Amino acid sequence: MLENLGYFGLFVGSFLASTVVPFSADALLVGCLAVGLNVIVCFALATAGNWLGGLTSYGIGRIGNMERIEKWFKVSPEKLESQRDKVARWGSLLAFVTWLPIVGDVFAIALGFYKIDWRLCAFWMLVGRALRFALWIFVFAS
């Protein structure tokens, strides 16, 4: 029973950690591995949860509205255009690093806000997050 709650907690925690909720999916993964949960299942659940959370942040950005951003956050249209150029320079590859603390959430939201191709963003987001968790498993297993 506790094993199943550990898996569920890892998935939900990894999902939440990849949105604007500030805590570490890495710590959850290592904790689950430390208590002996299956490495492959932990890898799959941490990656899937974190990836879906990142896609949620992308989706939040996607429904963003320029006029509201300008009004509510007092951001000039020129500033938004400047940011668009920076995001467009990297394009969907920026999704590869959306797992980074603090800035990763901003990157994911910006990718959605500026309507960068969701399929490519989803792919690079998955690759980046999977490699991150694979590295933690490698370090923990060594």
C-alpha atoms as a PDB file:
ATOM      1  CA  MET A   1       0.000   0.000   0.000  1.00  0.00           C
ATOM      2  CA  LEU A   2       2.707   2.517   0.956  1.00  0.00           C
ATOM      3  CA  GLU A   3       4.571   1.632  -2.215  1.00  0.00           C
ATOM      4  CA  ASN A   4       1.573   2.679  -4.335  1.00  0.00           C
ATOM      5  CA  LEU A   5       1.174   5.928  -2.407  1.00  0.00           C
ATOM      6  CA  GLY A   6       4.863   6.583  -3.011  1.00  0.00           C
ATOM      7  CA  TYR A   7       4.381   6.199  -6.740  1.00  0.00           C
ATOM      8  CA  PHE A   8       1.254   8.364  -6.741  1.00  0.00           C
ATOM      9  CA  GLY A   9       3.008  10.981  -4.617  1.00  0.00           C
ATOM     10  CA  LEU A  10       6.000  10.996  -6.941  1.00  0.00           C
ATOM     11  CA  PHE A  11       3.786  11.570  -9.979  1.00  0.00           C
ATOM     12  CA  VAL A  12       1.670  14.313  -8.376  1.00  0.00           C
ATOM     13  CA  GLY A  13       4.677  15.936  -6.712  1.00  0.00           C
ATOM     14  CA  SER A  14       6.643  15.925  -9.961  1.00  0.00           C
ATOM     15  CA  PHE A  15       3.677  17.468 -11.741  1.00  0.00           C
ATOM     16  CA  LEU A  16       3.279  20.232  -9.171  1.00  0.00           C
ATOM     17  CA  ALA A  17       7.032  20.878  -8.960  1.00  0.00           C
ATOM     18  CA  SER A  18       7.081  21.669 -12.652  1.00  0.00           C
ATOM     19  CA  THR A  19       4.408  24.320 -12.340  1.00  0.00           C
ATOM     20  CA  VAL A  20       4.812  27.411 -10.190  1.00  0.00           C
ATOM     21  CA  VAL A  21       4.695  25.391  -6.939  1.00  0.00           C
ATOM     22  CA  PRO A  22       8.204  25.767  -5.482  1.00  0.00           C
ATOM     23  CA  PHE A  23       9.638  22.413  -4.501  1.00  0.00           C
ATOM     24  CA  SER A  24      11.957  19.792  -5.922  1.00  0.00           C
ATOM     25  CA  ALA A  25      10.904  16.806  -7.994  1.00  0.00           C
ATOM     26  CA  ASP A  26      14.547  15.706  -7.766  1.00  0.00           C
ATOM     27  CA  ALA A  27      14.278  15.295  -3.998  1.00  0.00           C
ATOM     28  CA  LEU A  28      11.049  13.323  -4.415  1.00  0.00           C
ATOM     29  CA  LEU A  29      12.682  11.003  -6.936  1.00  0.00           C
ATOM     30  CA  VAL A  30      15.750  10.385  -4.778  1.00  0.00           C
ATOM     31  CA  GLY A  31      13.520   9.828  -1.729  1.00  0.00           C
ATOM     32  CA  CYS A  32      11.463   7.221  -3.564  1.00  0.00           C
ATOM     33  CA  LEU A  33      14.613   5.480  -4.751  1.00  0.00           C
ATOM     34  CA  ALA A  34      16.063   5.591  -1.225  1.00  0.00           C
ATOM     35  CA  VAL A  35      13.084   3.658   0.163  1.00  0.00           C
ATOM     36  CA  GLY A  36      13.513   1.003  -2.508  1.00  0.00           C
ATOM     37  CA  LEU A  37      10.853   1.796  -5.087  1.00  0.00           C
ATOM     38  CA  ASN A  38      11.392   0.444  -8.599  1.00  0.00           C
ATOM     39  CA  VAL A  39      13.875   2.564 -10.573  1.00  0.00           C
ATOM     40  CA  ILE A  40      12.115   2.232 -13.942  1.00  0.00           C
ATOM     41  CA  VAL A  41       8.672   3.032 -12.535  1.00  0.00           C
ATOM     42  CA  CYS A  42      10.071   6.005 -10.603  1.00  0.00           C
ATOM     43  CA  PHE A  43      11.825   7.298 -13.721  1.00  0.00           C
ATOM     44  CA  ALA A  44       8.668   6.968 -15.815  1.00  0.00           C
ATOM     45  CA  LEU A  45       6.366   8.574 -13.245  1.00  0.00           C
ATOM     46  CA  ALA A  46       8.712  11.442 -12.369  1.00  0.00           C
ATOM     47  CA  THR A  47       9.312  12.177 -16.054  1.00  0.00           C
ATOM     48  CA  ALA A  48       5.626  11.940 -17.025  1.00  0.00           C
ATOM     49  CA  GLY A  49       4.416  14.036 -14.093  1.00  0.00           C
ATOM     50  CA  ASN A  50       7.068  16.698 -14.581  1.00  0.00           C
ATOM     51  CA  TRP A  51       6.494  16.777 -18.343  1.00  0.00           C
ATOM     52  CA  LEU A  52       2.725  17.152 -17.966  1.00  0.00           C
ATOM     53  CA  GLY A  53       3.268  19.925 -15.418  1.00  0.00           C
ATOM     54  CA  GLY A  54       5.540  21.708 -17.879  1.00  0.00           C
ATOM     55  CA  LEU A  55       2.931  21.346 -20.600  1.00  0.00           C
ATOM     56  CA  THR A  56       0.395  22.855 -18.193  1.00  0.00           C
ATOM     57  CA  SER A  57       2.642  25.886 -17.750  1.00  0.00           C
ATOM     58  CA  TYR A  58       2.964  26.079 -21.540  1.00  0.00           C
ATOM     59  CA  GLY A  59      -0.845  25.955 -21.787  1.00  0.00           C
ATOM     60  CA  ILE A  60      -1.234  28.734 -19.239  1.00  0.00           C
ATOM     61  CA  GLY A  61       1.040  30.867 -21.371  1.00  0.00           C
ATOM     62  CA  ARG A  62      -0.857  29.888 -24.494  1.00  0.00           C
ATOM     63  CA  ILE A  63      -4.111  31.346 -23.178  1.00  0.00           C
ATOM     64  CA  GLY A  64      -2.324  34.561 -22.192  1.00  0.00           C
ATOM     65  CA  ASN A  65      -3.464  37.821 -23.689  1.00  0.00           C
ATOM     66  CA  MET A  66      -1.157  40.702 -24.684  1.00  0.00           C
ATOM     67  CA  GLU A  67      -3.626  43.372 -23.633  1.00  0.00           C
ATOM     68  CA  ARG A  68      -4.083  41.864 -20.156  1.00  0.00           C
ATOM     69  CA  ILE A  69      -0.337  41.457 -19.671  1.00  0.00           C
ATOM     70  CA  GLU A  70       0.224  45.090 -20.623  1.00  0.00           C
ATOM     71  CA  LYS A  71      -2.583  46.294 -18.346  1.00  0.00           C
ATOM     72  CA  TRP A  72      -2.126  44.074 -15.281  1.00  0.00           C
ATOM     73  CA  PHE A  73       1.657  43.888 -15.180  1.00  0.00           C
ATOM     74  CA  LYS A  74       2.387  47.289 -16.708  1.00  0.00           C
ATOM     75  CA  VAL A  75       4.583  45.800 -19.411  1.00  0.00           C
ATOM     76  CA  SER A  76       5.019  47.911 -22.524  1.00  0.00           C
ATOM     77  CA  PRO A  77       4.265  46.491 -25.972  1.00  0.00           C
ATOM     78  CA  GLU A  78       7.908  47.192 -26.867  1.00  0.00           C
ATOM     79  CA  LYS A  79       9.101  45.022 -23.971  1.00  0.00           C
ATOM     80  CA  LEU A  80       6.794  42.193 -25.040  1.00  0.00           C
ATOM     81  CA  GLU A  81       8.101  42.410 -28.604  1.00  0.00           C
ATOM     82  CA  SER A  82      11.685  42.361 -27.330  1.00  0.00           C
ATOM     83  CA  GLN A  83      10.926  39.236 -25.293  1.00  0.00           C
ATOM     84  CA  ARG A  84       9.234  37.641 -28.301  1.00  0.00           C
ATOM     85  CA  ASP A  85      12.425  38.116 -30.314  1.00  0.00           C
ATOM     86  CA  LYS A  86      14.500  36.463 -27.566  1.00  0.00           C
ATOM     87  CA  VAL A  87      12.146  33.492 -27.334  1.00  0.00           C
ATOM     88  CA  ALA A  88      11.945  33.182 -31.125  1.00  0.00           C
ATOM     89  CA  ARG A  89      15.740  33.117 -31.380  1.00  0.00           C
ATOM     90  CA  TRP A  90      15.847  29.814 -29.478  1.00  0.00           C
ATOM     91  CA  GLY A  91      12.393  28.605 -30.474  1.00  0.00           C
ATOM     92  CA  SER A  92      11.274  25.217 -29.237  1.00  0.00           C
ATOM     93  CA  LEU A  93      14.819  24.318 -28.117  1.00  0.00           C
ATOM     94  CA  LEU A  94      14.209  26.583 -25.144  1.00  0.00           C
ATOM     95  CA  ALA A  95      11.804  23.889 -23.916  1.00  0.00           C
ATOM     96  CA  PHE A  96      14.806  21.610 -23.299  1.00  0.00           C
ATOM     97  CA  VAL A  97      15.725  23.677 -20.221  1.00  0.00           C
ATOM     98  CA  THR A  98      12.242  24.300 -18.827  1.00  0.00           C
ATOM     99  CA  TRP A  99      13.133  21.938 -15.972  1.00  0.00           C
ATOM    100  CA  LEU A 100      15.502  24.536 -14.496  1.00  0.00           C
ATOM    101  CA  PRO A 101      14.359  26.008 -11.174  1.00  0.00           C
ATOM    102  CA  ILE A 102      12.602  29.403 -11.320  1.00  0.00           C
ATOM    103  CA  VAL A 103      13.446  30.333 -14.932  1.00  0.00           C
ATOM    104  CA  GLY A 104      12.103  27.073 -16.348  1.00  0.00           C
ATOM    105  CA  ASP A 105       8.526  28.004 -15.452  1.00  0.00           C
ATOM    106  CA  VAL A 106       9.009  31.403 -17.059  1.00  0.00           C
ATOM    107  CA  PHE A 107      10.416  29.764 -20.208  1.00  0.00           C
ATOM    108  CA  ALA A 108       7.495  27.312 -20.439  1.00  0.00           C
ATOM    109  CA  ILE A 109       4.918  30.074 -20.012  1.00  0.00           C
ATOM    110  CA  ALA A 110       6.732  32.296 -22.537  1.00  0.00           C
ATOM    111  CA  LEU A 111       6.865  29.485 -25.103  1.00  0.00           C
ATOM    112  CA  GLY A 112       3.102  29.130 -24.823  1.00  0.00           C
ATOM    113  CA  PHE A 113       2.448  32.863 -24.722  1.00  0.00           C
ATOM    114  CA  TYR A 114       4.398  33.438 -27.921  1.00  0.00           C
ATOM    115  CA  LYS A 115       2.724  30.408 -29.564  1.00  0.00           C
ATOM    116  CA  ILE A 116       5.897  28.436 -30.291  1.00  0.00           C
ATOM    117  CA  ASP A 117       4.978  25.066 -31.900  1.00  0.00           C
ATOM    118  CA  TRP A 118       3.525  22.956 -29.077  1.00  0.00           C
ATOM    119  CA  ARG A 119       4.605  19.636 -30.610  1.00  0.00           C
ATOM    120  CA  LEU A 120       8.270  20.614 -30.744  1.00  0.00           C
ATOM    121  CA  CYS A 121       8.066  22.200 -27.303  1.00  0.00           C
ATOM    122  CA  ALA A 122       6.498  19.020 -25.912  1.00  0.00           C
ATOM    123  CA  PHE A 123       9.246  16.904 -27.480  1.00  0.00           C
ATOM    124  CA  TRP A 124      12.150  19.022 -26.176  1.00  0.00           C
ATOM    125  CA  MET A 125      10.494  19.386 -22.788  1.00  0.00           C
ATOM    126  CA  LEU A 126      10.210  15.596 -22.518  1.00  0.00           C
ATOM    127  CA  VAL A 127      13.823  15.042 -23.584  1.00  0.00           C
ATOM    128  CA  GLY A 128      15.184  17.610 -21.126  1.00  0.00           C
ATOM    129  CA  ARG A 129      13.199  16.288 -18.186  1.00  0.00           C
ATOM    130  CA  ALA A 130      13.947  12.639 -18.971  1.00  0.00           C
ATOM    131  CA  LEU A 131      17.693  13.335 -19.156  1.00  0.00           C
ATOM    132  CA  ARG A 132      17.538  15.238 -15.880  1.00  0.00           C
ATOM    133  CA  PHE A 133      15.885  12.335 -14.046  1.00  0.00           C
ATOM    134  CA  ALA A 134      18.161   9.790 -15.747  1.00  0.00           C
ATOM    135  CA  LEU A 135      21.149  11.740 -14.433  1.00  0.00           C
ATOM    136  CA  TRP A 136      19.742  11.715 -10.889  1.00  0.00           C
ATOM    137  CA  ILE A 137      19.173   7.959 -11.103  1.00  0.00           C
ATOM    138  CA  PHE A 138      22.693   7.445 -12.395  1.00  0.00           C
ATOM    139  CA  VAL A 139      24.137   9.551  -9.553  1.00  0.00           C
ATOM    140  CA  PHE A 140      21.973   7.834  -6.945  1.00  0.00           C
ATOM    141  CA  ALA A 141      22.763   4.332  -8.223  1.00  0.00           C
ATOM    142  CA  SER A 142      26.526   4.956  -8.312  1.00  0.00           C
END
